[in-house]
PDB file of N, CA and C in Angstrom:
ATOM      1  N   MET A   1     -10.073-126.442 -83.434  1.00  0.00           N
ATOM      2  CA  MET A   1      -9.305-126.160 -82.588  1.00  0.00           C
ATOM      3  C   MET A   1      -8.682-126.521 -81.600  1.00  0.00           C
ATOM      4  N   SER A   2      -7.178-126.863 -81.876  1.00  0.00           N
ATOM      5  CA  SER A   2      -6.769-127.481 -80.876  1.00  0.00           C
ATOM      6  C   SER A   2      -6.453-126.934 -79.128  1.00  0.00           C
ATOM      7  N   GLU A   3      -6.472-127.962 -78.339  1.00  0.00           N
ATOM      8  CA  GLU A   3      -6.346-127.236 -77.311  1.00  0.00           C
ATOM      9  C   GLU A   3      -5.088-127.483 -76.572  1.00  0.00           C
ATOM     10  N   GLN A   4      -4.438-126.799 -75.645  1.00  0.00           N
ATOM     11  CA  GLN A   4      -2.733-126.674 -75.263  1.00  0.00           C
ATOM     12  C   GLN A   4      -3.142-127.005 -73.951  1.00  0.00           C
ATOM     13  N   THR A   5      -2.200-128.006 -73.552  1.00  0.00           N
ATOM     14  CA  THR A   5      -2.189-128.015 -72.034  1.00  0.00           C
ATOM     15  C   THR A   5      -1.143-127.641 -71.412  1.00  0.00           C
ATOM     16  N   VAL A   6      -1.665-126.524 -70.404  1.00  0.00           N
ATOM     17  CA  VAL A   6      -0.543-125.878 -69.552  1.00  0.00           C
ATOM     18  C   VAL A   6      -0.082-126.248 -68.402  1.00  0.00           C
ATOM     19  N   LEU A   7       0.536-126.253 -68.073  1.00  0.00           N
ATOM     20  CA  LEU A   7       0.883-126.944 -66.678  1.00  0.00           C
ATOM     21  C   LEU A   7       1.111-125.572 -65.817  1.00  0.00           C
ATOM     22  N   PRO A   8       0.922-125.688 -64.217  1.00  0.00           N
ATOM     23  CA  PRO A   8       0.853-124.787 -63.439  1.00  0.00           C
ATOM     24  C   PRO A   8       2.756-124.551 -63.250  1.00  0.00           C
ATOM     25  N   PRO A   9       3.185-123.438 -63.121  1.00  0.00           N
ATOM     26  CA  PRO A   9       4.529-123.077 -62.958  1.00  0.00           C
ATOM     27  C   PRO A   9       5.145-124.152 -61.953  1.00  0.00           C
ATOM     28  N   GLU A  10       4.329-124.629 -61.003  1.00  0.00           N
ATOM     29  CA  GLU A  10       5.325-125.370 -59.663  1.00  0.00           C
ATOM     30  C   GLU A  10       5.174-127.046 -60.420  1.00  0.00           C
ATOM     31  N   GLU A  11       4.516-127.106 -61.516  1.00  0.00           N
ATOM     32  CA  GLU A  11       4.678-128.849 -61.873  1.00  0.00           C
ATOM     33  C   GLU A  11       5.782-128.651 -62.692  1.00  0.00           C
ATOM     34  N   GLU A  12       6.378-129.786 -62.798  1.00  0.00           N
ATOM     35  CA  GLU A  12       7.496-129.984 -63.759  1.00  0.00           C
ATOM     36  C   GLU A  12       7.348-131.499 -64.435  1.00  0.00           C
ATOM     37  N   PRO A  13       7.226-131.687 -65.522  1.00  0.00           N
ATOM     38  CA  PRO A  13       7.319-132.839 -66.145  1.00  0.00           C
ATOM     39  C   PRO A  13       8.307-133.682 -65.862  1.00  0.00           C
ATOM     40  N   VAL A  14       7.926-134.692 -65.111  1.00  0.00           N
ATOM     41  CA  VAL A  14       9.340-135.721 -64.986  1.00  0.00           C
ATOM     42  C   VAL A  14       9.391-136.986 -65.998  1.00  0.00           C
ATOM     43  N   VAL A  15      11.016-136.847 -66.060  1.00  0.00           N
ATOM     44  CA  VAL A  15      11.340-137.712 -67.674  1.00  0.00           C
ATOM     45  C   VAL A  15      12.328-138.718 -66.661  1.00  0.00           C
ATOM     46  N   PRO A  16      11.726-140.162 -66.849  1.00  0.00           N
ATOM     47  CA  PRO A  16      12.144-141.016 -66.291  1.00  0.00           C
ATOM     48  C   PRO A  16      14.030-141.186 -66.552  1.00  0.00           C
ATOM     49  N   ALA A  17      15.123-141.714 -65.756  1.00  0.00           N
ATOM     50  CA  ALA A  17      16.361-141.563 -65.969  1.00  0.00           C
ATOM     51  C   ALA A  17      16.947-142.369 -67.371  1.00  0.00           C
ATOM     52  N   ALA A  18      15.925-143.404 -66.976  1.00  0.00           N
ATOM     53  CA  ALA A  18      16.442-144.380 -68.657  1.00  0.00           C
ATOM     54  C   ALA A  18      16.354-143.322 -70.030  1.00  0.00           C
ATOM     55  N   GLU A  19      15.584-142.297 -69.745  1.00  0.00           N
ATOM     56  CA  GLU A  19      14.995-141.676 -70.943  1.00  0.00           C
ATOM     57  C   GLU A  19      15.881-140.401 -71.424  1.00  0.00           C
ATOM     58  N   GLU A  20      16.576-139.890 -70.318  1.00  0.00           N
ATOM     59  CA  GLU A  20      17.321-138.754 -70.207  1.00  0.00           C
ATOM     60  C   GLU A  20      18.346-139.032 -71.400  1.00  0.00           C
ATOM     61  N   PRO A  21      18.699-137.475 -72.245  1.00  0.00           N
ATOM     62  CA  PRO A  21      19.847-138.067 -73.205  1.00  0.00           C
ATOM     63  C   PRO A  21      21.349-137.787 -72.304  1.00  0.00           C
ATOM     64  N   ARG A  22      21.986-138.623 -72.815  1.00  0.00           N
ATOM     65  CA  ARG A  22      23.390-138.485 -72.314  1.00  0.00           C
ATOM     66  C   ARG A  22      24.345-137.830 -73.330  1.00  0.00           C
ATOM     67  N   LEU A  23      24.900-136.672 -73.560  1.00  0.00           N
ATOM     68  CA  LEU A  23      25.796-136.073 -74.366  1.00  0.00           C
ATOM     69  C   LEU A  23      26.663-136.680 -74.345  1.00  0.00           C
ATOM     70  N   VAL A  24      27.736-137.097 -73.364  1.00  0.00           N
ATOM     71  CA  VAL A  24      28.855-137.634 -73.771  1.00  0.00           C
ATOM     72  C   VAL A  24      28.502-139.251 -74.642  1.00  0.00           C
ATOM     73  N   GLU A  25      27.427-139.899 -74.202  1.00  0.00           N
ATOM     74  CA  GLU A  25      27.254-141.116 -74.895  1.00  0.00           C
ATOM     75  C   GLU A  25      26.801-140.965 -76.416  1.00  0.00           C
ATOM     76  N   GLU A  26      26.099-139.763 -76.505  1.00  0.00           N
ATOM     77  CA  GLU A  26      25.673-139.532 -77.773  1.00  0.00           C
ATOM     78  C   GLU A  26      26.722-138.790 -78.811  1.00  0.00           C
ATOM     79  N   LEU A  27      27.396-138.423 -78.310  1.00  0.00           N
ATOM     80  CA  LEU A  27      28.910-137.632 -79.146  1.00  0.00           C
ATOM     81  C   LEU A  27      29.860-138.735 -79.203  1.00  0.00           C
ATOM     82  N   LYS A  28      29.869-140.195 -78.157  1.00  0.00           N
ATOM     83  CA  LYS A  28      30.760-141.027 -78.989  1.00  0.00           C
ATOM     84  C   LYS A  28      30.020-141.772 -80.095  1.00  0.00           C
ATOM     85  N   LYS A  29      28.852-142.138 -80.038  1.00  0.00           N
ATOM     86  CA  LYS A  29      27.867-142.474 -81.308  1.00  0.00           C
ATOM     87  C   LYS A  29      28.429-142.071 -82.421  1.00  0.00           C
ATOM     88  N   MET A  30      28.482-140.514 -82.465  1.00  0.00           N
ATOM     89  CA  MET A  30      28.687-139.985 -84.031  1.00  0.00           C
ATOM     90  C   MET A  30      29.820-140.145 -84.625  1.00  0.00           C
ATOM     91  N   GLU A  31      29.585-140.520 -85.918  1.00  0.00           N
ATOM     92  CA  GLU A  31      30.939-140.552 -86.694  1.00  0.00           C
ATOM     93  C   GLU A  31      31.368-139.378 -87.107  1.00  0.00           C
ATOM     94  N   TYR A  32      32.705-139.112 -87.612  1.00  0.00           N
ATOM     95  CA  TYR A  32      33.414-138.125 -87.991  1.00  0.00           C
ATOM     96  C   TYR A  32      33.218-137.762 -89.377  1.00  0.00           C
ATOM     97  N   GLU A  33      32.965-136.411 -89.459  1.00  0.00           N
ATOM     98  CA  GLU A  33      32.367-135.804 -90.614  1.00  0.00           C
ATOM     99  C   GLU A  33      33.159-134.654 -90.950  1.00  0.00           C
ATOM    100  N   PRO A  34      34.021-134.603 -92.027  1.00  0.00           N
ATOM    101  CA  PRO A  34      34.900-133.689 -92.856  1.00  0.00           C
ATOM    102  C   PRO A  34      34.034-132.511 -93.005  1.00  0.00           C
ATOM    103  N   LEU A  35      34.510-131.417 -92.854  1.00  0.00           N
ATOM    104  CA  LEU A  35      33.583-130.445 -93.354  1.00  0.00           C
ATOM    105  C   LEU A  35      33.697-130.163 -95.072  1.00  0.00           C
ATOM    106  N   LEU A  36      32.785-129.956 -95.701  1.00  0.00           N
ATOM    107  CA  LEU A  36      32.636-129.709 -97.387  1.00  0.00           C
ATOM    108  C   LEU A  36      33.477-128.511 -97.571  1.00  0.00           C
ATOM    109  N   PRO A  37      34.165-128.476 -99.059  1.00  0.00           N
ATOM    110  CA  PRO A  37      34.749-127.519 -99.300  1.00  0.00           C
ATOM    111  C   PRO A  37      33.804-125.950 -99.181  1.00  0.00           C
ATOM    112  N   VAL A  38      32.500-125.928 -99.768  1.00  0.00           N
ATOM    113  CA  VAL A  38      31.538-125.033 -99.292  1.00  0.00           C
ATOM    114  C   VAL A  38      31.692-124.189 -97.767  1.00  0.00           C
ATOM    115  N   GLU A  39      31.697-125.324 -96.756  1.00  0.00           N
ATOM    116  CA  GLU A  39      31.850-125.152 -95.269  1.00  0.00           C
ATOM    117  C   GLU A  39      32.949-124.232 -95.340  1.00  0.00           C
ATOM    118  N   LYS A  40      34.142-124.982 -95.560  1.00  0.00           N
ATOM    119  CA  LYS A  40      35.477-124.054 -95.694  1.00  0.00           C
ATOM    120  C   LYS A  40      35.432-122.831 -95.927  1.00  0.00           C
ATOM    121  N   LYS A  41      34.862-122.378 -97.383  1.00  0.00           N
ATOM    122  CA  LYS A  41      35.026-121.401 -98.043  1.00  0.00           C
ATOM    123  C   LYS A  41      34.136-120.380 -96.929  1.00  0.00           C
ATOM    124  N   LEU A  42      32.975-120.685 -96.595  1.00  0.00           N
ATOM    125  CA  LEU A  42      31.868-119.895 -95.757  1.00  0.00           C
ATOM    126  C   LEU A  42      32.862-119.551 -94.609  1.00  0.00           C
ATOM    127  N   ILE A  43      33.299-120.699 -93.942  1.00  0.00           N
ATOM    128  CA  ILE A  43      34.372-120.032 -92.511  1.00  0.00           C
ATOM    129  C   ILE A  43      35.306-119.067 -93.072  1.00  0.00           C
ATOM    130  N   ALA A  44      35.942-119.450 -93.703  1.00  0.00           N
ATOM    131  CA  ALA A  44      37.060-118.378 -94.332  1.00  0.00           C
ATOM    132  C   ALA A  44      36.692-116.892 -94.894  1.00  0.00           C
ATOM    133  N   TYR A  45      35.416-116.929 -95.573  1.00  0.00           N
ATOM    134  CA  TYR A  45      34.959-115.334 -95.779  1.00  0.00           C
ATOM    135  C   TYR A  45      34.378-115.114 -94.739  1.00  0.00           C
ATOM    136  N   SER A  46      34.007-115.521 -93.593  1.00  0.00           N
ATOM    137  CA  SER A  46      33.646-114.914 -92.735  1.00  0.00           C
ATOM    138  C   SER A  46      34.698-114.601 -91.499  1.00  0.00           C
ATOM    139  N   ILE A  47      35.393-115.156 -91.322  1.00  0.00           N
ATOM    140  CA  ILE A  47      36.531-114.571 -90.972  1.00  0.00           C
ATOM    141  C   ILE A  47      37.325-113.443 -91.317  1.00  0.00           C
ATOM    142  N   GLY A  48      37.610-113.452 -92.488  1.00  0.00           N
ATOM    143  CA  GLY A  48      38.019-112.516 -93.084  1.00  0.00           C
ATOM    144  C   GLY A  48      37.269-111.306 -93.120  1.00  0.00           C
ATOM    145  N   LEU A  49      35.887-111.666 -93.116  1.00  0.00           N
ATOM    146  CA  LEU A  49      34.911-109.975 -93.352  1.00  0.00           C
ATOM    147  C   LEU A  49      35.085-109.662 -91.760  1.00  0.00           C
ATOM    148  N   GLY A  50      34.832-110.356 -91.098  1.00  0.00           N
ATOM    149  CA  GLY A  50      35.114-109.662 -89.731  1.00  0.00           C
ATOM    150  C   GLY A  50      36.426-109.138 -89.333  1.00  0.00           C
ATOM    151  N   ILE A  51      37.320-109.581 -89.703  1.00  0.00           N
ATOM    152  CA  ILE A  51      38.940-108.899 -89.577  1.00  0.00           C
ATOM    153  C   ILE A  51      39.145-107.277 -90.416  1.00  0.00           C
ATOM    154  N   ILE A  52      38.277-107.729 -91.676  1.00  0.00           N
ATOM    155  CA  ILE A  52      38.189-106.393 -92.543  1.00  0.00           C
ATOM    156  C   ILE A  52      37.500-105.264 -91.606  1.00  0.00           C
ATOM    157  N   LEU A  53      36.204-105.574 -91.411  1.00  0.00           N
ATOM    158  CA  LEU A  53      35.302-104.878 -90.925  1.00  0.00           C
ATOM    159  C   LEU A  53      35.728-104.261 -89.147  1.00  0.00           C
ATOM    160  N   LEU A  54      36.886-105.119 -88.906  1.00  0.00           N
ATOM    161  CA  LEU A  54      37.092-104.409 -87.559  1.00  0.00           C
ATOM    162  C   LEU A  54      38.215-103.471 -87.865  1.00  0.00           C
ATOM    163  N   PHE A  55      39.276-103.402 -88.727  1.00  0.00           N
ATOM    164  CA  PHE A  55      39.776-102.453 -89.087  1.00  0.00           C
ATOM    165  C   PHE A  55      39.251-101.235 -89.585  1.00  0.00           C
ATOM    166  N   VAL A  56      38.249-101.624 -90.661  1.00  0.00           N
ATOM    167  CA  VAL A  56      37.448-100.570 -91.099  1.00  0.00           C
ATOM    168  C   VAL A  56      36.537 -99.669 -89.787  1.00  0.00           C
ATOM    169  N   PHE A  57      36.367-100.454 -88.874  1.00  0.00           N
ATOM    170  CA  PHE A  57      35.644 -99.555 -87.627  1.00  0.00           C
ATOM    171  C   PHE A  57      36.519 -98.946 -87.309  1.00  0.00           C
ATOM    172  N   VAL A  58      37.513 -99.472 -86.829  1.00  0.00           N
ATOM    173  CA  VAL A  58      38.655 -98.536 -86.265  1.00  0.00           C
ATOM    174  C   VAL A  58      39.421 -97.394 -86.550  1.00  0.00           C
ATOM    175  N   TRP A  59      39.376 -97.651 -87.717  1.00  0.00           N
ATOM    176  CA  TRP A  59      39.755 -96.334 -88.753  1.00  0.00           C
ATOM    177  C   TRP A  59      38.460 -95.473 -88.586  1.00  0.00           C
ATOM    178  N   ILE A  60      37.065 -95.840 -88.912  1.00  0.00           N
ATOM    179  CA  ILE A  60      36.162 -94.764 -88.760  1.00  0.00           C
ATOM    180  C   ILE A  60      36.433 -94.102 -87.530  1.00  0.00           C
ATOM    181  N   SER A  61      36.423 -94.625 -86.229  1.00  0.00           N
ATOM    182  CA  SER A  61      36.269 -94.423 -85.049  1.00  0.00           C
ATOM    183  C   SER A  61      37.265 -93.088 -84.862  1.00  0.00           C
ATOM    184  N   GLN A  62      38.883 -93.907 -84.977  1.00  0.00           N
ATOM    185  CA  GLN A  62      39.885 -92.990 -84.921  1.00  0.00           C
ATOM    186  C   GLN A  62      39.863 -91.412 -86.173  1.00  0.00           C
ATOM    187  N   THR A  63      39.227 -91.904 -87.116  1.00  0.00           N
ATOM    188  CA  THR A  63      39.072 -90.275 -87.898  1.00  0.00           C
ATOM    189  C   THR A  63      37.968 -89.875 -87.541  1.00  0.00           C
ATOM    190  N   PHE A  64      36.771 -90.162 -87.326  1.00  0.00           N
ATOM    191  CA  PHE A  64      35.694 -89.062 -87.285  1.00  0.00           C
ATOM    192  C   PHE A  64      35.377 -88.830 -85.730  1.00  0.00           C
ATOM    193  N   PHE A  65      35.967 -89.624 -84.936  1.00  0.00           N
ATOM    194  CA  PHE A  65      35.766 -89.417 -83.468  1.00  0.00           C
ATOM    195  C   PHE A  65      37.023 -89.426 -82.484  1.00  0.00           C
ATOM    196  N   PRO A  66      38.319 -88.254 -83.197  1.00  0.00           N
ATOM    197  CA  PRO A  66      39.501 -88.427 -82.635  1.00  0.00           C
ATOM    198  C   PRO A  66      39.447 -88.367 -81.097  1.00  0.00           C
ATOM    199  N   GLY A  67      38.662 -87.498 -80.752  1.00  0.00           N
ATOM    200  CA  GLY A  67      39.018 -87.081 -79.140  1.00  0.00           C
ATOM    201  C   GLY A  67      38.629 -87.963 -78.040  1.00  0.00           C
ATOM    202  N   GLN A  68      38.041 -89.114 -78.514  1.00  0.00           N
ATOM    203  CA  GLN A  68      37.477 -89.687 -77.419  1.00  0.00           C
ATOM    204  C   GLN A  68      38.428 -91.162 -76.997  1.00  0.00           C
ATOM    205  N   HIS A  69      39.749 -91.192 -77.690  1.00  0.00           N
ATOM    206  CA  HIS A  69      40.487 -92.301 -77.139  1.00  0.00           C
ATOM    207  C   HIS A  69      41.209 -91.748 -76.422  1.00  0.00           C
TER     208      HIS A  69
END
């Protein structure tokens, strides 16, 4: 069995400043990657489904619960 070391709540592990990740520097190092065609389709389908369901839910709300608007 493996033992896990549990620190008391008052102790925090200290990370040296040189090892702290710097988000801005990491983002600058990243190369631009265009979206794949399948990713574009998934985004379009998700947005389309969201808009359609919004109208469906508004219609259901107004049809079956008319007095609450």
